[in-house]
Amino acid sequence: MTPRETGPRSLYVHVPFCESKCPYCAFASAVKRPGDEGAYLGSLREEAASRSSIAGGRLLTLYIGGGTPTALSLGAWRELIAVIGGAFKLASDAEVTVEANPGSLSREHIELWRGFINRVSVGVQSFNDDDLKFLGRAHDSGQATEAVEMCVSAGFQTSVDLMFGLPGGPLRDGEPEYGGQTLRGWAGNLRRAARTGAGHISVYQLTIEPGTTFGGLNFPKSALTDGYLPYRYAQWCLPRRGYAQYEVASFSKPGQESRHNLNYWADGEYIGLGPSAWSYIGGVRSQNAQTLDEYARMIAQGKSASVYEERLPPAQAARQAAVLALRAERGIDWRSFEEKHGKAMKDEISEKLNRFPESLVRNDPRRASLTAAGLRVANRVWEEII
């Protein structure tokens, strides 16, 4: 089928497997069972074929996330690449990203990816072994450094994910108590990430999610860190090492920003494939069945895998678009915002932003954006808009 002239030009593919479930993780993923790879790839092939005509032309960005994509066997990876390539066409300069974990990333993965993948996001979380043990990660600091340097030396644009705000508290039964992440330790993580040569660093505060192992541990309130100081330190440290903050959680060297994520913050459309994947097309946001079993069953019955859809009312859609745009350094372009959402919504949101001091929000007739200080209190600004 011929792709539409308009429509999504970004694709997300979810790989629902992990080697083990991290105690803080609330994403849809599980340890592989025998036969799971075949069930996943067969269903994904059917869904990709049925949705390929939705794309608005050659894809500009493709993101393969999870879960842990590097938990797939090399044979499964060959088939995954064939599935995507058989259903969708990529622009010659498309950004193609894969998530990788240091414990399962191999040189064989890197050789297999050449010519298809050009960007790797490595889930390091920390270069400190005590932090990694507390987080239940399946790698140590040496593997983390080796994985990132391996991607950089292979010529991939490389991103490092780091986590801050780790509380002190008990580990598992019979083990010594974890003392928590210090500011000195966090500073060391940032410096080590920069020394690897990675062109992109993302920083995330640990959140204790209901339904996770950590969610049931009842950490003492005194152990839960604010997050303000480590985040502010990242804003001070990383620009001095050549990384500009272009998004609330992301720092990049010139030309290595995540184009896929920027499409999200621009309220752009995207197609999602695989269990739990989200799509956003024509103003409708939808989510696939979360478990592999349910996803595969729906696909086998010839049904759409979607189990949830929503179309926001116009005013709510406008407010959401403004919040998304303010995540990025480029902010809200008022002209295009007014064209899409109308003058009344533009005026309403602009007036709310004017309530904040210029030290937090820059707002002029052309554009509105958050300052570095504003990004530190971004939740408060977004609450005012919503």
Protein backbone atom coordinates (compact mmCIF):
# COMPACT_ATOMS: atom_id res chain seq x y z
CA MET A 1 0.00 0.00 0.00
CA THR A 2 1.16 3.54 -0.70
CA PRO A 3 1.89 5.60 2.44
CA ARG A 4 -0.27 8.65 3.03
CA GLU A 5 1.16 12.06 2.27
CA THR A 6 0.30 13.16 5.79
CA GLY A 7 0.45 11.18 9.00
CA PRO A 8 2.91 9.92 11.59
CA ARG A 9 6.54 9.74 10.58
CA SER A 10 7.76 8.40 13.91
CA LEU A 11 7.51 4.78 15.01
CA TYR A 12 7.96 3.24 18.46
CA VAL A 13 8.43 -0.54 18.81
CA HIS A 14 8.13 -2.05 22.29
CA VAL A 15 10.17 -5.13 23.24
CA PRO A 16 8.45 -6.57 26.34
CA PHE A 17 11.31 -8.72 27.70
CA CYS A 18 13.87 -8.26 30.48
CA GLU A 19 16.51 -10.51 31.99
CA SER A 20 15.01 -9.73 35.40
CA LYS A 21 12.48 -7.24 36.78
CA CYS A 22 14.07 -4.23 38.48
CA PRO A 23 12.43 -3.37 41.82
CA TYR A 24 11.57 0.21 40.75
CA CYS A 25 10.24 -0.62 37.25
CA ALA A 26 6.57 0.00 36.44
CA PHE A 27 6.90 -0.55 32.68
CA ALA A 28 5.23 -3.45 30.88
CA SER A 29 7.93 -6.11 30.75
CA ALA A 30 8.59 -9.65 31.93
CA VAL A 31 11.27 -12.32 31.90
CA LYS A 32 11.16 -14.34 28.65
CA ARG A 33 9.54 -17.77 28.65
CA PRO A 34 10.22 -20.50 26.07
CA GLY A 35 8.38 -19.60 22.87
CA ASP A 36 7.87 -15.94 23.78
CA GLU A 37 10.20 -14.57 21.11
CA GLY A 38 8.34 -16.42 18.37
CA ALA A 39 4.94 -15.31 19.64
CA TYR A 40 6.11 -11.72 19.90
CA LEU A 41 7.72 -11.53 16.46
CA GLY A 42 4.84 -13.30 14.70
CA SER A 43 2.30 -10.92 16.24
CA LEU A 44 4.48 -7.89 15.61
CA ARG A 45 4.79 -8.82 11.94
CA GLU A 46 0.99 -8.91 11.61
CA GLU A 47 0.49 -5.62 13.43
CA ALA A 48 3.24 -3.87 11.43
CA ALA A 49 1.73 -5.05 8.13
CA SER A 50 -1.75 -3.87 9.16
CA ARG A 51 -0.56 -0.42 10.24
CA SER A 52 2.12 0.41 7.70
CA SER A 53 -0.26 2.42 5.52
CA ILE A 54 -0.91 4.84 8.40
CA ALA A 55 2.59 6.30 8.12
CA GLY A 56 2.85 9.66 6.36
CA GLY A 57 5.82 8.69 4.22
CA ARG A 58 9.31 7.51 5.02
CA LEU A 59 9.92 7.41 8.76
CA LEU A 60 12.03 10.20 10.21
CA THR A 61 12.53 8.49 13.58
CA LEU A 62 12.32 4.93 14.84
CA TYR A 63 12.75 4.02 18.50
CA ILE A 64 13.03 0.43 19.75
CA GLY A 65 12.50 0.41 23.51
CA GLY A 66 11.36 -1.81 26.32
CA GLY A 67 11.75 -3.71 28.47
CA THR A 68 15.21 -4.62 27.32
CA PRO A 69 15.70 -4.90 23.55
CA THR A 70 19.14 -6.46 24.11
CA ALA A 71 17.36 -9.36 25.86
CA LEU A 72 16.37 -10.55 22.38
CA SER A 73 18.54 -13.26 20.85
CA LEU A 74 20.58 -12.36 17.78
CA GLY A 75 18.26 -14.45 15.62
CA ALA A 76 15.26 -12.58 16.96
CA TRP A 77 17.04 -9.31 16.24
CA ARG A 78 17.56 -10.30 12.61
CA GLU A 79 13.86 -11.05 12.31
CA LEU A 80 12.86 -7.84 14.10
CA ILE A 81 14.90 -5.77 11.64
CA ALA A 82 13.29 -7.67 8.75
CA VAL A 83 9.78 -7.08 10.19
CA ILE A 84 10.30 -3.34 10.50
CA GLY A 85 12.08 -3.01 7.15
CA GLY A 86 9.40 -5.03 5.40
CA ALA A 87 6.55 -2.86 6.59
CA PHE A 88 8.05 0.64 6.78
CA LYS A 89 10.49 2.70 4.76
CA LEU A 90 13.09 4.86 6.49
CA ALA A 91 14.27 8.27 5.33
CA SER A 92 17.93 8.31 4.35
CA ASP A 93 18.72 10.48 7.39
CA ALA A 94 16.30 8.77 9.80
CA GLU A 95 17.26 8.59 13.45
CA VAL A 96 17.05 4.93 14.52
CA THR A 97 17.47 4.39 18.27
CA VAL A 98 17.64 1.24 20.36
CA GLU A 99 17.72 0.92 24.14
CA ALA A 100 20.43 -1.33 25.54
CA ASN A 101 21.39 -2.61 28.97
CA PRO A 102 25.08 -3.02 29.84
CA GLY A 103 24.54 -6.54 31.18
CA SER A 104 23.19 -7.91 27.90
CA LEU A 105 24.74 -5.69 25.23
CA SER A 106 27.36 -7.58 23.22
CA ARG A 107 29.74 -6.86 20.37
CA GLU A 108 27.58 -9.19 18.29
CA HIS A 109 24.63 -6.83 18.80
CA ILE A 110 26.72 -3.91 17.63
CA GLU A 111 27.90 -5.72 14.51
CA LEU A 112 24.34 -6.78 13.70
CA TRP A 113 23.00 -3.24 14.13
CA ARG A 114 25.46 -1.61 11.73
CA GLY A 115 23.65 -0.11 8.75
CA PHE A 116 20.28 -0.08 10.56
CA ILE A 117 20.72 1.43 14.04
CA ASN A 118 22.56 4.75 14.41
CA ARG A 119 21.76 5.72 18.02
CA VAL A 120 22.01 3.66 21.23
CA SER A 121 20.53 4.67 24.59
CA VAL A 122 22.37 2.78 27.34
CA GLY A 123 20.49 2.20 30.61
CA VAL A 124 23.45 2.73 32.94
CA GLN A 125 21.51 4.33 35.86
CA SER A 126 24.73 4.59 37.90
CA PHE A 127 28.47 3.97 37.70
CA ASN A 128 28.50 3.14 41.43
CA ASP A 129 28.28 -0.55 42.35
CA ASP A 130 26.38 0.09 45.61
CA ASP A 131 23.77 2.11 43.69
CA LEU A 132 23.45 -0.62 41.07
CA LYS A 133 23.02 -3.32 43.69
CA PHE A 134 20.32 -1.29 45.42
CA LEU A 135 18.52 -0.79 42.09
CA GLY A 136 18.66 -4.49 41.31
CA ARG A 137 20.54 -3.93 38.08
CA ALA A 138 22.09 -6.90 36.25
CA HIS A 139 25.42 -5.17 35.58
CA ASP A 140 28.27 -3.57 37.48
CA SER A 141 30.10 -0.29 36.98
CA GLY A 142 32.80 -1.86 34.83
CA GLN A 143 30.23 -3.32 32.43
CA ALA A 144 28.46 0.04 32.31
CA THR A 145 31.61 1.89 31.27
CA GLU A 146 32.56 -0.80 28.75
CA ALA A 147 29.09 -0.80 27.15
CA VAL A 148 29.01 2.95 26.62
CA GLU A 149 32.57 3.14 25.32
CA MET A 150 31.87 0.21 22.99
CA CYS A 151 28.92 2.08 21.43
CA VAL A 152 30.89 5.32 21.12
CA SER A 153 33.88 3.63 19.49
CA ALA A 154 31.56 1.83 17.04
CA GLY A 155 30.39 5.23 15.79
CA PHE A 156 26.86 5.25 17.21
CA GLN A 157 25.40 8.40 18.67
CA THR A 158 25.30 7.28 22.29
CA SER A 159 23.10 8.33 25.19
CA VAL A 160 23.56 7.47 28.87
CA ASP A 161 20.62 7.25 31.30
CA LEU A 162 21.41 8.12 34.92
CA MET A 163 19.18 8.05 37.99
CA PHE A 164 19.33 10.38 40.99
CA GLY A 165 17.50 10.65 44.31
CA LEU A 166 18.20 7.10 45.49
CA PRO A 167 17.06 6.78 49.12
CA GLY A 168 18.88 5.02 51.90
CA GLY A 169 17.31 1.92 53.35
CA PRO A 170 17.44 -1.85 53.57
CA LEU A 171 18.50 -3.99 50.65
CA ARG A 172 17.43 -7.62 50.62
CA ASP A 173 17.26 -9.88 53.66
CA GLY A 174 20.60 -10.57 55.29
CA GLU A 175 22.44 -7.81 53.43
CA PRO A 176 23.84 -4.56 54.84
CA GLU A 177 21.77 -1.41 54.64
CA TYR A 178 22.30 0.83 51.61
CA GLY A 179 23.33 4.33 52.68
CA GLY A 180 21.67 6.23 49.85
CA GLN A 181 23.10 8.25 46.99
CA THR A 182 25.20 11.23 48.06
CA LEU A 183 25.69 14.43 46.08
CA ARG A 184 29.36 13.53 45.78
CA GLY A 185 28.40 10.15 44.33
CA TRP A 186 25.98 11.78 41.88
CA ALA A 187 28.69 14.22 40.77
CA GLY A 188 30.97 11.26 40.12
CA ASN A 189 28.31 9.62 37.95
CA LEU A 190 27.98 12.72 35.80
CA ARG A 191 31.74 13.07 35.37
CA ARG A 192 32.16 9.40 34.45
CA ALA A 193 29.34 9.61 31.91
CA ALA A 194 31.00 12.61 30.26
CA ARG A 195 34.39 10.84 30.19
CA THR A 196 32.95 7.94 28.18
CA GLY A 197 32.51 10.22 25.17
CA ALA A 198 28.73 9.78 25.03
CA GLY A 199 27.09 12.68 23.21
CA HIS A 200 23.84 12.64 25.20
CA ILE A 201 23.03 12.25 28.91
CA SER A 202 19.54 11.90 30.39
CA VAL A 203 18.92 12.28 34.13
CA TYR A 204 15.86 10.94 35.95
CA GLN A 205 14.80 11.06 39.57
CA LEU A 206 13.85 7.70 41.07
CA THR A 207 10.12 7.57 41.70
CA ILE A 208 8.57 4.94 43.97
CA GLU A 209 5.69 3.55 41.90
CA PRO A 210 2.73 1.59 43.29
CA GLY A 211 2.77 -2.05 42.27
CA THR A 212 6.56 -2.28 42.12
CA THR A 213 8.83 -4.04 44.62
CA PHE A 214 10.04 -0.67 45.88
CA GLY A 215 6.43 0.49 46.14
CA GLY A 216 5.81 -2.08 48.86
CA LEU A 217 8.90 -1.36 50.98
CA ASN A 218 7.66 1.72 52.86
CA PHE A 219 10.88 3.72 52.74
CA PRO A 220 11.06 6.15 55.66
CA LYS A 221 10.25 9.71 54.59
CA SER A 222 13.61 10.85 55.92
CA ALA A 223 15.32 8.57 53.38
CA LEU A 224 13.51 9.95 50.31
CA THR A 225 15.60 12.72 48.80
CA ASP A 226 14.24 15.97 47.42
CA GLY A 227 16.01 15.73 44.08
CA TYR A 228 16.41 19.49 43.74
CA LEU A 229 20.13 19.60 44.54
CA PRO A 230 21.26 16.72 42.29
CA TYR A 231 19.16 18.07 39.42
CA ARG A 232 20.55 21.57 39.86
CA TYR A 233 24.06 20.15 40.05
CA ALA A 234 23.51 18.38 36.71
CA GLN A 235 22.44 21.72 35.21
CA TRP A 236 25.69 23.25 36.48
CA CYS A 237 28.04 20.36 35.70
CA LEU A 238 27.02 19.12 32.26
CA PRO A 239 27.05 22.43 30.33
CA ARG A 240 30.63 22.91 31.55
CA ARG A 241 31.46 19.66 29.79
CA GLY A 242 29.82 20.60 26.50
CA TYR A 243 26.30 19.26 27.09
CA ALA A 244 23.50 21.80 26.54
CA GLN A 245 20.17 21.19 28.28
CA TYR A 246 17.57 21.00 25.52
CA GLU A 247 14.82 19.21 27.46
CA VAL A 248 13.83 18.94 31.10
CA ALA A 249 15.69 15.63 31.59
CA SER A 250 18.18 15.67 28.70
CA PHE A 251 21.56 17.19 27.92
CA SER A 252 23.27 16.91 24.56
CA LYS A 253 26.33 17.85 22.61
CA PRO A 254 25.53 19.78 19.39
CA GLY A 255 23.57 17.71 16.90
CA GLN A 256 22.98 14.73 19.22
CA GLU A 257 19.55 15.64 20.59
CA SER A 258 16.94 12.87 20.48
CA ARG A 259 14.78 13.76 17.49
CA HIS A 260 12.30 11.02 18.41
CA ASN A 261 11.68 12.47 21.87
CA LEU A 262 11.48 16.00 20.49
CA ASN A 263 8.61 14.81 18.30
CA TYR A 264 6.75 13.79 21.48
CA TRP A 265 7.27 17.20 23.07
CA ALA A 266 6.13 18.93 19.86
CA ASP A 267 2.80 17.06 20.17
CA GLY A 268 3.72 15.17 17.01
CA GLU A 269 2.04 12.01 15.81
CA TYR A 270 3.58 8.56 16.18
CA ILE A 271 2.73 4.89 15.66
CA GLY A 272 3.31 2.37 18.45
CA LEU A 273 3.76 -1.36 17.85
CA GLY A 274 4.01 -4.18 20.36
CA PRO A 275 2.54 -4.91 23.80
CA SER A 276 1.67 -1.77 25.83
CA ALA A 277 2.84 0.58 23.03
CA TRP A 278 1.11 3.94 22.71
CA SER A 279 0.10 5.63 19.44
CA TYR A 280 -1.03 9.19 18.77
CA ILE A 281 -2.74 9.69 15.43
CA GLY A 282 -5.29 12.29 14.34
CA GLY A 283 -5.74 13.59 17.87
CA VAL A 284 -6.51 10.11 19.26
CA ARG A 285 -4.15 8.53 21.79
CA SER A 286 -4.37 4.74 22.10
CA GLN A 287 -2.58 1.94 23.95
CA ASN A 288 -2.09 -1.70 23.04
CA ALA A 289 -2.80 -4.62 25.34
CA GLN A 290 -0.12 -4.68 28.03
CA THR A 291 0.79 -8.36 28.26
CA LEU A 292 2.31 -10.41 25.46
CA ASP A 293 -0.34 -13.10 25.86
CA GLU A 294 -3.26 -10.69 25.45
CA TYR A 295 -1.53 -8.81 22.64
CA ALA A 296 -0.81 -12.02 20.70
CA ARG A 297 -4.36 -13.32 21.24
CA MET A 298 -5.95 -10.14 19.87
CA ILE A 299 -3.64 -10.11 16.84
CA ALA A 300 -4.33 -13.82 16.17
CA GLN A 301 -8.08 -13.05 16.16
CA GLY A 302 -7.53 -10.41 13.50
CA LYS A 303 -8.35 -7.58 15.88
CA SER A 304 -6.60 -4.33 16.63
CA ALA A 305 -4.35 -4.73 19.67
CA SER A 306 -5.64 -1.44 21.10
CA VAL A 307 -7.47 -1.68 24.44
CA TYR A 308 -7.71 2.03 25.29
CA GLU A 309 -8.39 5.16 23.26
CA GLU A 310 -9.01 8.79 24.15
CA ARG A 311 -9.58 12.03 22.29
CA LEU A 312 -9.14 15.03 24.57
CA PRO A 313 -11.61 17.92 24.42
CA PRO A 314 -10.10 20.86 22.47
CA ALA A 315 -9.24 22.97 25.54
CA GLN A 316 -7.62 20.06 27.35
CA ALA A 317 -5.69 19.08 24.21
CA ALA A 318 -4.36 22.64 23.95
CA ARG A 319 -3.21 22.66 27.58
CA GLN A 320 -1.53 19.28 27.17
CA ALA A 321 0.27 20.49 24.04
CA ALA A 322 1.54 23.54 25.95
CA VAL A 323 2.86 21.39 28.81
CA LEU A 324 4.62 19.05 26.38
CA ALA A 325 6.20 21.96 24.51
CA LEU A 326 7.49 23.50 27.73
CA ARG A 327 9.46 20.33 28.46
CA ALA A 328 11.83 21.35 25.65
CA GLU A 329 14.20 24.31 25.55
CA ARG A 330 12.55 25.64 22.37
CA GLY A 331 9.21 25.93 24.20
CA ILE A 332 5.92 27.07 22.65
CA ASP A 333 5.87 28.74 19.24
CA TRP A 334 2.85 30.97 19.68
CA ARG A 335 2.09 31.36 15.98
CA SER A 336 1.82 27.64 15.27
CA PHE A 337 0.09 27.07 18.62
CA GLU A 338 -2.61 29.63 17.76
CA GLU A 339 -3.08 28.12 14.29
CA LYS A 340 -3.71 24.71 15.82
CA HIS A 341 -5.57 25.57 19.02
CA GLY A 342 -7.04 29.03 18.51
CA LYS A 343 -6.40 32.50 19.86
CA ALA A 344 -8.52 32.07 23.00
CA MET A 345 -6.43 29.13 24.24
CA LYS A 346 -3.22 30.87 23.27
CA ASP A 347 -4.21 33.95 25.27
CA GLU A 348 -5.34 31.88 28.27
CA ILE A 349 -2.09 29.95 28.53
CA SER A 350 0.09 32.98 27.84
CA GLU A 351 -1.68 34.88 30.64
CA LYS A 352 -1.02 32.01 33.07
CA LEU A 353 2.66 31.96 32.13
CA ASN A 354 2.88 35.72 32.72
CA ARG A 355 2.10 35.09 36.39
CA PHE A 356 5.59 33.65 36.82
CA PRO A 357 8.68 35.85 37.14
CA GLU A 358 11.00 36.24 34.16
CA SER A 359 13.63 34.30 36.07
CA LEU A 360 11.45 31.19 35.55
CA VAL A 361 9.51 31.79 32.33
CA ARG A 362 10.47 33.69 29.18
CA ASN A 363 7.32 34.78 27.38
CA ASP A 364 7.17 37.18 24.45
CA PRO A 365 4.81 37.50 21.44
CA ARG A 366 6.77 34.86 19.49
CA ARG A 367 7.65 32.16 21.99
CA ALA A 368 7.39 30.97 25.60
CA SER A 369 9.95 28.73 27.30
CA LEU A 370 11.27 27.83 30.73
CA THR A 371 14.62 29.11 31.95
CA ALA A 372 17.10 26.77 33.63
CA ALA A 373 15.62 27.84 36.98
CA GLY A 374 12.14 27.31 35.57
CA LEU A 375 12.96 23.73 34.59
CA ARG A 376 13.83 23.07 38.25
CA VAL A 377 10.23 23.92 39.20
CA ALA A 378 8.61 22.76 35.96
CA ASN A 379 5.91 20.77 37.75
CA ARG A 380 4.64 23.97 39.38
CA VAL A 381 4.44 25.74 36.00
CA TRP A 382 2.67 22.81 34.35
CA GLU A 383 0.16 22.64 37.22
CA GLU A 384 -0.79 26.27 36.56
CA ILE A 385 -1.51 25.48 32.90
CA ILE A 386 -3.47 22.28 33.51
